[in-house]
Every structure is written in C-alpha cells, then in structure tokens.
PDB file of all heavy atoms in Angstrom:
ATOM      1  N   VAL A   1      19.622   1.633   6.201  1.00  0.00           N
ATOM      2  CA  VAL A   1      20.614   1.080   7.134  1.00  0.00           C
ATOM      3  C   VAL A   1      20.632   1.967   8.367  1.00  0.00           C
ATOM      4  O   VAL A   1      20.819   3.188   8.277  1.00  0.00           O
ATOM      5  CB  VAL A   1      22.014   1.021   6.507  1.00  0.00           C
ATOM      6  CG1 VAL A   1      23.048   0.534   7.540  1.00  0.00           C
ATOM      7  CG2 VAL A   1      22.005   0.123   5.280  1.00  0.00           C
ATOM      8  N   ILE A   2      20.453   1.390   9.520  1.00  0.00           N
ATOM      9  CA  ILE A   2      20.433   2.113  10.790  1.00  0.00           C
ATOM     10  C   ILE A   2      21.696   1.750  11.567  1.00  0.00           C
ATOM     11  O   ILE A   2      22.013   0.566  11.752  1.00  0.00           O
ATOM     12  CB  ILE A   2      19.182   1.759  11.608  1.00  0.00           C
ATOM     13  CG1 ILE A   2      17.918   2.131  10.808  1.00  0.00           C
ATOM     14  CG2 ILE A   2      19.195   2.475  12.961  1.00  0.00           C
ATOM     15  CD1 ILE A   2      16.648   1.693  11.487  1.00  0.00           C
ATOM     16  N   ARG A   3      22.432   2.795  12.019  1.00  0.00           N
ATOM     17  CA  ARG A   3      23.646   2.575  12.797  1.00  0.00           C
ATOM     18  C   ARG A   3      23.464   3.145  14.196  1.00  0.00           C
ATOM     19  O   ARG A   3      22.881   4.212  14.368  1.00  0.00           O
ATOM     20  CB  ARG A   3      24.851   3.246  12.136  1.00  0.00           C
ATOM     21  CG  ARG A   3      25.272   2.583  10.827  1.00  0.00           C
ATOM     22  CD  ARG A   3      26.536   3.220  10.285  1.00  0.00           C
ATOM     23  NE  ARG A   3      26.971   2.546   9.076  1.00  0.00           N
ATOM     24  CZ  ARG A   3      28.081   2.864   8.403  1.00  0.00           C
ATOM     25  NH1 ARG A   3      28.852   3.861   8.857  1.00  0.00           N
ATOM     26  NH2 ARG A   3      28.411   2.199   7.313  1.00  0.00           N
ATOM     27  N   ALA A   4      24.016   2.431  15.170  1.00  0.00           N
ATOM     28  CA  ALA A   4      23.990   2.883  16.565  1.00  0.00           C
ATOM     29  C   ALA A   4      25.420   2.929  17.083  1.00  0.00           C
ATOM     30  O   ALA A   4      26.180   1.959  16.936  1.00  0.00           O
ATOM     31  CB  ALA A   4      23.138   1.964  17.411  1.00  0.00           C
ATOM     32  N   LEU A   5      25.832   4.045  17.654  1.00  0.00           N
ATOM     33  CA  LEU A   5      27.183   4.216  18.183  1.00  0.00           C
ATOM     34  C   LEU A   5      27.140   4.370  19.697  1.00  0.00           C
ATOM     35  O   LEU A   5      26.305   5.094  20.230  1.00  0.00           O
ATOM     36  CB  LEU A   5      27.831   5.474  17.569  1.00  0.00           C
ATOM     37  CG  LEU A   5      27.975   5.503  16.045  1.00  0.00           C
ATOM     38  CD1 LEU A   5      28.530   6.848  15.610  1.00  0.00           C
ATOM     39  CD2 LEU A   5      28.870   4.372  15.568  1.00  0.00           C
ATOM     40  N   THR A   6      28.049   3.689  20.387  1.00  0.00           N
ATOM     41  CA  THR A   6      28.220   3.881  21.822  1.00  0.00           C
ATOM     42  C   THR A   6      29.674   3.587  22.163  1.00  0.00           C
ATOM     43  O   THR A   6      30.157   2.452  22.014  1.00  0.00           O
ATOM     44  CB  THR A   6      27.273   2.989  22.646  1.00  0.00           C
ATOM     45  OG1 THR A   6      27.565   3.173  24.035  1.00  0.00           O
ATOM     46  CG2 THR A   6      27.371   1.530  22.290  1.00  0.00           C
ATOM     47  N   GLY A   7      30.389   4.592  22.526  1.00  0.00           N
ATOM     48  CA  GLY A   7      31.815   4.419  22.781  1.00  0.00           C
ATOM     49  C   GLY A   7      32.529   4.005  21.505  1.00  0.00           C
ATOM     50  O   GLY A   7      32.433   4.647  20.461  1.00  0.00           O
ATOM     51  N   ASN A   8      33.284   2.892  21.605  1.00  0.00           N
ATOM     52  CA  ASN A   8      33.979   2.365  20.437  1.00  0.00           C
ATOM     53  C   ASN A   8      33.171   1.300  19.705  1.00  0.00           C
ATOM     54  O   ASN A   8      33.673   0.665  18.777  1.00  0.00           O
ATOM     55  CB  ASN A   8      35.335   1.779  20.848  1.00  0.00           C
ATOM     56  CG  ASN A   8      36.281   2.850  21.371  1.00  0.00           C
ATOM     57  OD1 ASN A   8      36.265   3.966  20.869  1.00  0.00           O
ATOM     58  ND2 ASN A   8      37.096   2.504  22.366  1.00  0.00           N
ATOM     59  N   LEU A   9      31.925   1.104  20.133  1.00  0.00           N
ATOM     60  CA  LEU A   9      31.116   0.051  19.529  1.00  0.00           C
ATOM     61  C   LEU A   9      30.158   0.640  18.504  1.00  0.00           C
ATOM     62  O   LEU A   9      29.570   1.700  18.701  1.00  0.00           O
ATOM     63  CB  LEU A   9      30.324  -0.676  20.617  1.00  0.00           C
ATOM     64  CG  LEU A   9      31.153  -1.363  21.708  1.00  0.00           C
ATOM     65  CD1 LEU A   9      30.229  -1.965  22.771  1.00  0.00           C
ATOM     66  CD2 LEU A   9      32.056  -2.440  21.095  1.00  0.00           C
ATOM     67  N   VAL A  10      30.048  -0.047  17.412  1.00  0.00           N
ATOM     68  CA  VAL A  10      29.143   0.359  16.328  1.00  0.00           C
ATOM     69  C   VAL A  10      28.239  -0.825  15.987  1.00  0.00           C
ATOM     70  O   VAL A  10      28.717  -1.949  15.786  1.00  0.00           O
ATOM     71  CB  VAL A  10      29.902   0.796  15.060  1.00  0.00           C
ATOM     72  CG1 VAL A  10      28.916   1.179  13.964  1.00  0.00           C
ATOM     73  CG2 VAL A  10      30.828   1.957  15.367  1.00  0.00           C
ATOM     74  N   GLY A  11      26.948  -0.547  15.961  1.00  0.00           N
ATOM     75  CA  GLY A  11      25.996  -1.590  15.565  1.00  0.00           C
ATOM     76  C   GLY A  11      25.181  -1.124  14.365  1.00  0.00           C
ATOM     77  O   GLY A  11      24.852   0.061  14.251  1.00  0.00           O
ATOM     78  N   THR A  12      24.900  -2.018  13.472  1.00  0.00           N
ATOM     79  CA  THR A  12      24.111  -1.662  12.287  1.00  0.00           C
ATOM     80  C   THR A  12      22.956  -2.645  12.109  1.00  0.00           C
ATOM     81  O   THR A  12      23.029  -3.802  12.525  1.00  0.00           O
ATOM     82  CB  THR A  12      24.969  -1.658  11.007  1.00  0.00           C
ATOM     83  OG1 THR A  12      25.464  -2.979  10.791  1.00  0.00           O
ATOM     84  CG2 THR A  12      26.121  -0.674  11.112  1.00  0.00           C
ATOM     85  N   ALA A  13      21.921  -2.123  11.514  1.00  0.00           N
ATOM     86  CA  ALA A  13      20.772  -2.969  11.180  1.00  0.00           C
ATOM     87  C   ALA A  13      20.205  -2.500   9.844  1.00  0.00           C
ATOM     88  O   ALA A  13      20.191  -1.299   9.548  1.00  0.00           O
ATOM     89  CB  ALA A  13      19.701  -2.887  12.258  1.00  0.00           C
ATOM     90  N   THR A  14      19.804  -3.424   9.052  1.00  0.00           N
ATOM     91  CA  THR A  14      19.224  -3.104   7.742  1.00  0.00           C
ATOM     92  C   THR A  14      17.718  -3.326   7.787  1.00  0.00           C
ATOM     93  O   THR A  14      17.257  -4.405   8.186  1.00  0.00           O
ATOM     94  CB  THR A  14      19.833  -3.978   6.640  1.00  0.00           C
ATOM     95  OG1 THR A  14      21.247  -3.745   6.606  1.00  0.00           O
ATOM     96  CG2 THR A  14      19.231  -3.630   5.286  1.00  0.00           C
ATOM     97  N   VAL A  15      16.981  -2.279   7.434  1.00  0.00           N
ATOM     98  CA  VAL A  15      15.524  -2.359   7.417  1.00  0.00           C
ATOM     99  C   VAL A  15      15.043  -2.264   5.976  1.00  0.00           C
ATOM    100  O   VAL A  15      15.379  -1.315   5.264  1.00  0.00           O
ATOM    101  CB  VAL A  15      14.876  -1.226   8.246  1.00  0.00           C
ATOM    102  CG1 VAL A  15      13.361  -1.307   8.166  1.00  0.00           C
ATOM    103  CG2 VAL A  15      15.353  -1.306   9.695  1.00  0.00           C
ATOM    104  N   THR A  16      14.305  -3.236   5.544  1.00  0.00           N
ATOM    105  CA  THR A  16      13.747  -3.242   4.190  1.00  0.00           C
ATOM    106  C   THR A  16      12.253  -2.943   4.261  1.00  0.00           C
ATOM    107  O   THR A  16      11.505  -3.652   4.955  1.00  0.00           O
ATOM    108  CB  THR A  16      13.957  -4.608   3.504  1.00  0.00           C
ATOM    109  OG1 THR A  16      15.367  -4.881   3.454  1.00  0.00           O
ATOM    110  CG2 THR A  16      13.387  -4.594   2.099  1.00  0.00           C
ATOM    111  N   VAL A  17      11.843  -1.870   3.618  1.00  0.00           N
ATOM    112  CA  VAL A  17      10.422  -1.490   3.595  1.00  0.00           C
ATOM    113  C   VAL A  17       9.824  -1.940   2.269  1.00  0.00           C
ATOM    114  O   VAL A  17      10.270  -1.504   1.199  1.00  0.00           O
ATOM    115  CB  VAL A  17      10.248   0.035   3.765  1.00  0.00           C
ATOM    116  CG1 VAL A  17       8.767   0.398   3.743  1.00  0.00           C
ATOM    117  CG2 VAL A  17      10.909   0.498   5.066  1.00  0.00           C
ATOM    118  N   LEU A  18       8.882  -2.824   2.355  1.00  0.00           N
ATOM    119  CA  LEU A  18       8.258  -3.350   1.159  1.00  0.00           C
ATOM    120  C   LEU A  18       7.100  -2.455   0.725  1.00  0.00           C
ATOM    121  O   LEU A  18       6.278  -2.061   1.546  1.00  0.00           O
ATOM    122  CB  LEU A  18       7.728  -4.766   1.417  1.00  0.00           C
ATOM    123  CG  LEU A  18       8.781  -5.817   1.778  1.00  0.00           C
ATOM    124  CD1 LEU A  18       8.092  -7.133   2.105  1.00  0.00           C
ATOM    125  CD2 LEU A  18       9.788  -5.988   0.651  1.00  0.00           C
ATOM    126  N   GLY A  19       7.056  -2.098  -0.538  1.00  0.00           N
ATOM    127  CA  GLY A  19       5.934  -1.324  -1.074  1.00  0.00           C
ATOM    128  C   GLY A  19       4.699  -2.206  -1.218  1.00  0.00           C
ATOM    129  O   GLY A  19       4.769  -3.437  -1.071  1.00  0.00           O
ATOM    130  N   ARG A  20       3.564  -1.540  -1.496  1.00  0.00           N
ATOM    131  CA  ARG A  20       2.336  -2.305  -1.657  1.00  0.00           C
ATOM    132  C   ARG A  20       2.459  -3.181  -2.900  1.00  0.00           C
ATOM    133  O   ARG A  20       3.015  -2.759  -3.910  1.00  0.00           O
ATOM    134  CB  ARG A  20       1.139  -1.365  -1.800  1.00  0.00           C
ATOM    135  CG  ARG A  20      -0.192  -2.100  -1.881  1.00  0.00           C
ATOM    136  CD  ARG A  20      -1.332  -1.254  -1.423  1.00  0.00           C
ATOM    137  NE  ARG A  20      -2.473  -2.070  -1.082  1.00  0.00           N
ATOM    138  CZ  ARG A  20      -3.539  -1.623  -0.448  1.00  0.00           C
ATOM    139  NH1 ARG A  20      -3.597  -0.363  -0.071  1.00  0.00           N
ATOM    140  NH2 ARG A  20      -4.553  -2.414  -0.167  1.00  0.00           N
ATOM    141  N   PRO A  21       1.934  -4.402  -2.837  1.00  0.00           N
ATOM    142  CA  PRO A  21       1.970  -5.266  -4.015  1.00  0.00           C
ATOM    143  C   PRO A  21       1.312  -4.582  -5.210  1.00  0.00           C
ATOM    144  O   PRO A  21       0.499  -3.671  -5.059  1.00  0.00           O
ATOM    145  CB  PRO A  21       1.174  -6.503  -3.568  1.00  0.00           C
ATOM    146  CG  PRO A  21       1.255  -6.481  -2.085  1.00  0.00           C
ATOM    147  CD  PRO A  21       1.278  -5.038  -1.699  1.00  0.00           C
ATOM    148  N   ALA A  22       1.652  -5.022  -6.376  1.00  0.00           N
ATOM    149  CA  ALA A  22       1.142  -4.415  -7.602  1.00  0.00           C
ATOM    150  C   ALA A  22      -0.369  -4.607  -7.722  1.00  0.00           C
ATOM    151  O   ALA A  22      -0.916  -5.656  -7.369  1.00  0.00           O
ATOM    152  CB  ALA A  22       1.834  -5.026  -8.808  1.00  0.00           C
ATOM    153  N   LEU A  23      -1.024  -3.545  -8.214  1.00  0.00           N
ATOM    154  CA  LEU A  23      -2.458  -3.626  -8.501  1.00  0.00           C
ATOM    155  C   LEU A  23      -2.646  -4.433  -9.773  1.00  0.00           C
ATOM    156  O   LEU A  23      -2.047  -4.122 -10.806  1.00  0.00           O
ATOM    157  CB  LEU A  23      -3.031  -2.213  -8.686  1.00  0.00           C
ATOM    158  CG  LEU A  23      -4.508  -2.102  -9.047  1.00  0.00           C
ATOM    159  CD1 LEU A  23      -5.384  -2.572  -7.889  1.00  0.00           C
ATOM    160  CD2 LEU A  23      -4.850  -0.652  -9.420  1.00  0.00           C
ATOM    161  N   ILE A  24      -3.458  -5.463  -9.707  1.00  0.00           N
ATOM    162  CA  ILE A  24      -3.600  -6.331 -10.883  1.00  0.00           C
ATOM    163  C   ILE A  24      -5.018  -6.336 -11.465  1.00  0.00           C
ATOM    164  O   ILE A  24      -5.218  -6.747 -12.604  1.00  0.00           O
ATOM    165  CB  ILE A  24      -3.180  -7.780 -10.554  1.00  0.00           C
ATOM    166  CG1 ILE A  24      -4.048  -8.353  -9.432  1.00  0.00           C
ATOM    167  CG2 ILE A  24      -1.705  -7.847 -10.191  1.00  0.00           C
ATOM    168  CD1 ILE A  24      -3.782  -9.831  -9.165  1.00  0.00           C
ATOM    169  N   GLU A  25      -6.004  -5.857 -10.694  1.00  0.00           N
ATOM    170  CA  GLU A  25      -7.369  -5.943 -11.198  1.00  0.00           C
ATOM    171  C   GLU A  25      -8.255  -4.918 -10.499  1.00  0.00           C
ATOM    172  O   GLU A  25      -8.075  -4.626  -9.314  1.00  0.00           O
ATOM    173  CB  GLU A  25      -7.929  -7.347 -10.966  1.00  0.00           C
ATOM    174  CG  GLU A  25      -9.336  -7.549 -11.488  1.00  0.00           C
ATOM    175  CD  GLU A  25      -9.861  -8.948 -11.169  1.00  0.00           C
ATOM    176  OE1 GLU A  25      -9.574  -9.444 -10.049  1.00  0.00           O
ATOM    177  OE2 GLU A  25     -10.539  -9.550 -12.023  1.00  0.00           O
ATOM    178  N   ILE A  26      -9.206  -4.362 -11.255  1.00  0.00           N
ATOM    179  CA  ILE A  26     -10.223  -3.468 -10.687  1.00  0.00           C
ATOM    180  C   ILE A  26     -11.588  -3.995 -11.078  1.00  0.00           C
ATOM    181  O   ILE A  26     -11.830  -4.322 -12.241  1.00  0.00           O
ATOM    182  CB  ILE A  26     -10.060  -2.022 -11.209  1.00  0.00           C
ATOM    183  CG1 ILE A  26      -8.766  -1.399 -10.690  1.00  0.00           C
ATOM    184  CG2 ILE A  26     -11.255  -1.164 -10.781  1.00  0.00           C
ATOM    185  CD1 ILE A  26      -8.480  -0.026 -11.263  1.00  0.00           C
ATOM    186  N   SER A  27     -12.456  -4.102 -10.097  1.00  0.00           N
ATOM    187  CA  SER A  27     -13.836  -4.492 -10.383  1.00  0.00           C
ATOM    188  C   SER A  27     -14.762  -3.355  -9.981  1.00  0.00           C
ATOM    189  O   SER A  27     -14.563  -2.712  -8.951  1.00  0.00           O
ATOM    190  CB  SER A  27     -14.220  -5.776  -9.641  1.00  0.00           C
ATOM    191  OG  SER A  27     -14.143  -5.587  -8.242  1.00  0.00           O
ATOM    192  N   VAL A  28     -15.759  -3.075 -10.829  1.00  0.00           N
ATOM    193  CA  VAL A  28     -16.732  -2.020 -10.571  1.00  0.00           C
ATOM    194  C   VAL A  28     -18.008  -2.669 -10.051  1.00  0.00           C
ATOM    195  O   VAL A  28     -18.563  -3.574 -10.675  1.00  0.00           O
ATOM    196  CB  VAL A  28     -17.014  -1.204 -11.846  1.00  0.00           C
ATOM    197  CG1 VAL A  28     -18.127  -0.193 -11.607  1.00  0.00           C
ATOM    198  CG2 VAL A  28     -15.745  -0.482 -12.300  1.00  0.00           C
ATOM    199  N   GLN A  29     -18.480  -2.208  -8.901  1.00  0.00           N
ATOM    200  CA  GLN A  29     -19.634  -2.808  -8.231  1.00  0.00           C
ATOM    201  C   GLN A  29     -20.655  -1.733  -7.862  1.00  0.00           C
ATOM    202  O   GLN A  29     -20.255  -0.600  -7.540  1.00  0.00           O
ATOM    203  CB  GLN A  29     -19.164  -3.542  -6.966  1.00  0.00           C
ATOM    204  CG  GLN A  29     -18.109  -4.587  -7.211  1.00  0.00           C
ATOM    205  CD  GLN A  29     -17.505  -5.095  -5.919  1.00  0.00           C
ATOM    206  OE1 GLN A  29     -17.875  -4.673  -4.819  1.00  0.00           O
ATOM    207  NE2 GLN A  29     -16.553  -6.013  -6.023  1.00  0.00           N
ATOM    208  N   PRO A  30     -21.972  -2.040  -7.861  1.00  0.00           N
ATOM    209  CA  PRO A  30     -22.555  -3.267  -8.399  1.00  0.00           C
ATOM    210  C   PRO A  30     -22.618  -3.216  -9.923  1.00  0.00           C
ATOM    211  O   PRO A  30     -22.637  -2.140 -10.515  1.00  0.00           O
ATOM    212  CB  PRO A  30     -23.965  -3.254  -7.797  1.00  0.00           C
ATOM    213  CG  PRO A  30     -24.281  -1.797  -7.636  1.00  0.00           C
ATOM    214  CD  PRO A  30     -22.986  -1.124  -7.296  1.00  0.00           C
ATOM    215  N   SER A  31     -22.677  -4.360 -10.534  1.00  0.00           N
ATOM    216  CA  SER A  31     -22.765  -4.453 -11.981  1.00  0.00           C
ATOM    217  C   SER A  31     -23.317  -5.819 -12.367  1.00  0.00           C
ATOM    218  O   SER A  31     -22.860  -6.830 -11.821  1.00  0.00           O
ATOM    219  CB  SER A  31     -21.397  -4.257 -12.624  1.00  0.00           C
ATOM    220  OG  SER A  31     -21.478  -4.407 -14.016  1.00  0.00           O
ATOM    221  N   PRO A  32     -24.289  -5.852 -13.285  1.00  0.00           N
ATOM    222  CA  PRO A  32     -24.985  -4.704 -13.880  1.00  0.00           C
ATOM    223  C   PRO A  32     -25.943  -4.071 -12.875  1.00  0.00           C
ATOM    224  O   PRO A  32     -26.357  -4.713 -11.916  1.00  0.00           O
ATOM    225  CB  PRO A  32     -25.735  -5.318 -15.054  1.00  0.00           C
ATOM    226  CG  PRO A  32     -26.006  -6.721 -14.615  1.00  0.00           C
ATOM    227  CD  PRO A  32     -24.798  -7.135 -13.812  1.00  0.00           C
ATOM    228  N   VAL A  33     -26.264  -2.805 -13.105  1.00  0.00           N
ATOM    229  CA  VAL A  33     -27.178  -2.094 -12.221  1.00  0.00           C
ATOM    230  C   VAL A  33     -28.126  -1.255 -13.071  1.00  0.00           C
ATOM    231  O   VAL A  33     -27.752  -0.784 -14.146  1.00  0.00           O
ATOM    232  CB  VAL A  33     -26.385  -1.209 -11.228  1.00  0.00           C
ATOM    233  CG1 VAL A  33     -25.636  -0.098 -11.952  1.00  0.00           C
ATOM    234  CG2 VAL A  33     -27.291  -0.633 -10.163  1.00  0.00           C
ATOM    235  N   THR A  34     -29.357  -1.103 -12.592  1.00  0.00           N
ATOM    236  CA  THR A  34     -30.368  -0.337 -13.318  1.00  0.00           C
ATOM    237  C   THR A  34     -30.703   0.931 -12.553  1.00  0.00           C
ATOM    238  O   THR A  34     -30.834   0.920 -11.328  1.00  0.00           O
ATOM    239  CB  THR A  34     -31.648  -1.178 -13.515  1.00  0.00           C
ATOM    240  OG1 THR A  34     -31.324  -2.349 -14.270  1.00  0.00           O
ATOM    241  CG2 THR A  34     -32.712  -0.388 -14.274  1.00  0.00           C
ATOM    242  N   VAL A  35     -30.835   2.034 -13.290  1.00  0.00           N
ATOM    243  CA  VAL A  35     -31.184   3.317 -12.687  1.00  0.00           C
ATOM    244  C   VAL A  35     -32.173   4.020 -13.604  1.00  0.00           C
ATOM    245  O   VAL A  35     -32.125   3.852 -14.827  1.00  0.00           O
ATOM    246  CB  VAL A  35     -29.914   4.186 -12.475  1.00  0.00           C
ATOM    247  CG1 VAL A  35     -29.246   4.528 -13.795  1.00  0.00           C
ATOM    248  CG2 VAL A  35     -30.242   5.448 -11.706  1.00  0.00           C
ATOM    249  N   ASN A  36     -33.082   4.783 -13.019  1.00  0.00           N
ATOM    250  CA  ASN A  36     -34.034   5.555 -13.811  1.00  0.00           C
ATOM    251  C   ASN A  36     -33.365   6.802 -14.365  1.00  0.00           C
ATOM    252  O   ASN A  36     -32.438   7.345 -13.759  1.00  0.00           O
ATOM    253  CB  ASN A  36     -35.235   5.972 -12.966  1.00  0.00           C
ATOM    254  CG  ASN A  36     -36.128   4.808 -12.594  1.00  0.00           C
ATOM    255  OD1 ASN A  36     -36.233   3.838 -13.329  1.00  0.00           O
ATOM    256  ND2 ASN A  36     -36.763   4.893 -11.440  1.00  0.00           N
ATOM    257  N   ALA A  37     -33.835   7.265 -15.511  1.00  0.00           N
ATOM    258  CA  ALA A  37     -33.347   8.529 -16.063  1.00  0.00           C
ATOM    259  C   ALA A  37     -33.626   9.641 -15.058  1.00  0.00           C
ATOM    260  O   ALA A  37     -34.702   9.715 -14.473  1.00  0.00           O
ATOM    261  CB  ALA A  37     -34.030   8.822 -17.386  1.00  0.00           C
ATOM    262  N   GLY A  38     -32.620  10.482 -14.842  1.00  0.00           N
ATOM    263  CA  GLY A  38     -32.762  11.568 -13.882  1.00  0.00           C
ATOM    264  C   GLY A  38     -32.387  11.186 -12.460  1.00  0.00           C
ATOM    265  O   GLY A  38     -32.315  12.052 -11.586  1.00  0.00           O
ATOM    266  N   LYS A  39     -32.138   9.907 -12.216  1.00  0.00           N
ATOM    267  CA  LYS A  39     -31.752   9.442 -10.879  1.00  0.00           C
ATOM    268  C   LYS A  39     -30.280   9.051 -10.869  1.00  0.00           C
ATOM    269  O   LYS A  39     -29.658   8.850 -11.917  1.00  0.00           O
ATOM    270  CB  LYS A  39     -32.622   8.261 -10.445  1.00  0.00           C
ATOM    271  CG  LYS A  39     -34.107   8.574 -10.408  1.00  0.00           C
ATOM    272  CD  LYS A  39     -34.435   9.654  -9.404  1.00  0.00           C
ATOM    273  CE  LYS A  39     -35.927   9.908  -9.335  1.00  0.00           C
ATOM    274  NZ  LYS A  39     -36.279  10.972  -8.361  1.00  0.00           N
ATOM    275  N   SER A  40     -29.710   8.934  -9.673  1.00  0.00           N
ATOM    276  CA  SER A  40     -28.284   8.622  -9.546  1.00  0.00           C
ATOM    277  C   SER A  40     -28.054   7.417  -8.651  1.00  0.00           C
ATOM    278  O   SER A  40     -28.891   7.092  -7.790  1.00  0.00           O
ATOM    279  CB  SER A  40     -27.519   9.826  -8.971  1.00  0.00           C
ATOM    280  OG  SER A  40     -27.643  10.953  -9.804  1.00  0.00           O
ATOM    281  N   ILE A  41     -26.913   6.781  -8.861  1.00  0.00           N
ATOM    282  CA  ILE A  41     -26.509   5.645  -8.031  1.00  0.00           C
ATOM    283  C   ILE A  41     -24.984   5.668  -7.916  1.00  0.00           C
ATOM    284  O   ILE A  41     -24.290   6.019  -8.871  1.00  0.00           O
ATOM    285  CB  ILE A  41     -27.002   4.306  -8.628  1.00  0.00           C
ATOM    286  CG1 ILE A  41     -26.730   3.163  -7.652  1.00  0.00           C
ATOM    287  CG2 ILE A  41     -26.373   4.036  -9.984  1.00  0.00           C
ATOM    288  CD1 ILE A  41     -27.381   1.852  -8.061  1.00  0.00           C
TER     289      ILE A  41
END
C-alpha cells in the first residue's frame, strides 16, 4: 500500500506484485542423444 501526503490530503494506492507462475514441467534437451565414451555433450 502506497500513501501520498500533501497538506491535509491523503492518497493511497494498492500495488499487487504477482510472483512467477508455478513451474509445472521440465524437459531435458536434446533427448535422446548419443555421445562417445570419453567425450562430453
């Protein structure tokens, strides 16, 4: 809640900050993937 005062006047405003939506899924990419032994990806 934000309030502003000037003289005898008072003003208020309500600010709602929304959080990030819920994480619902994780995908691992690329898949399937092939790699040689001793090598990295």
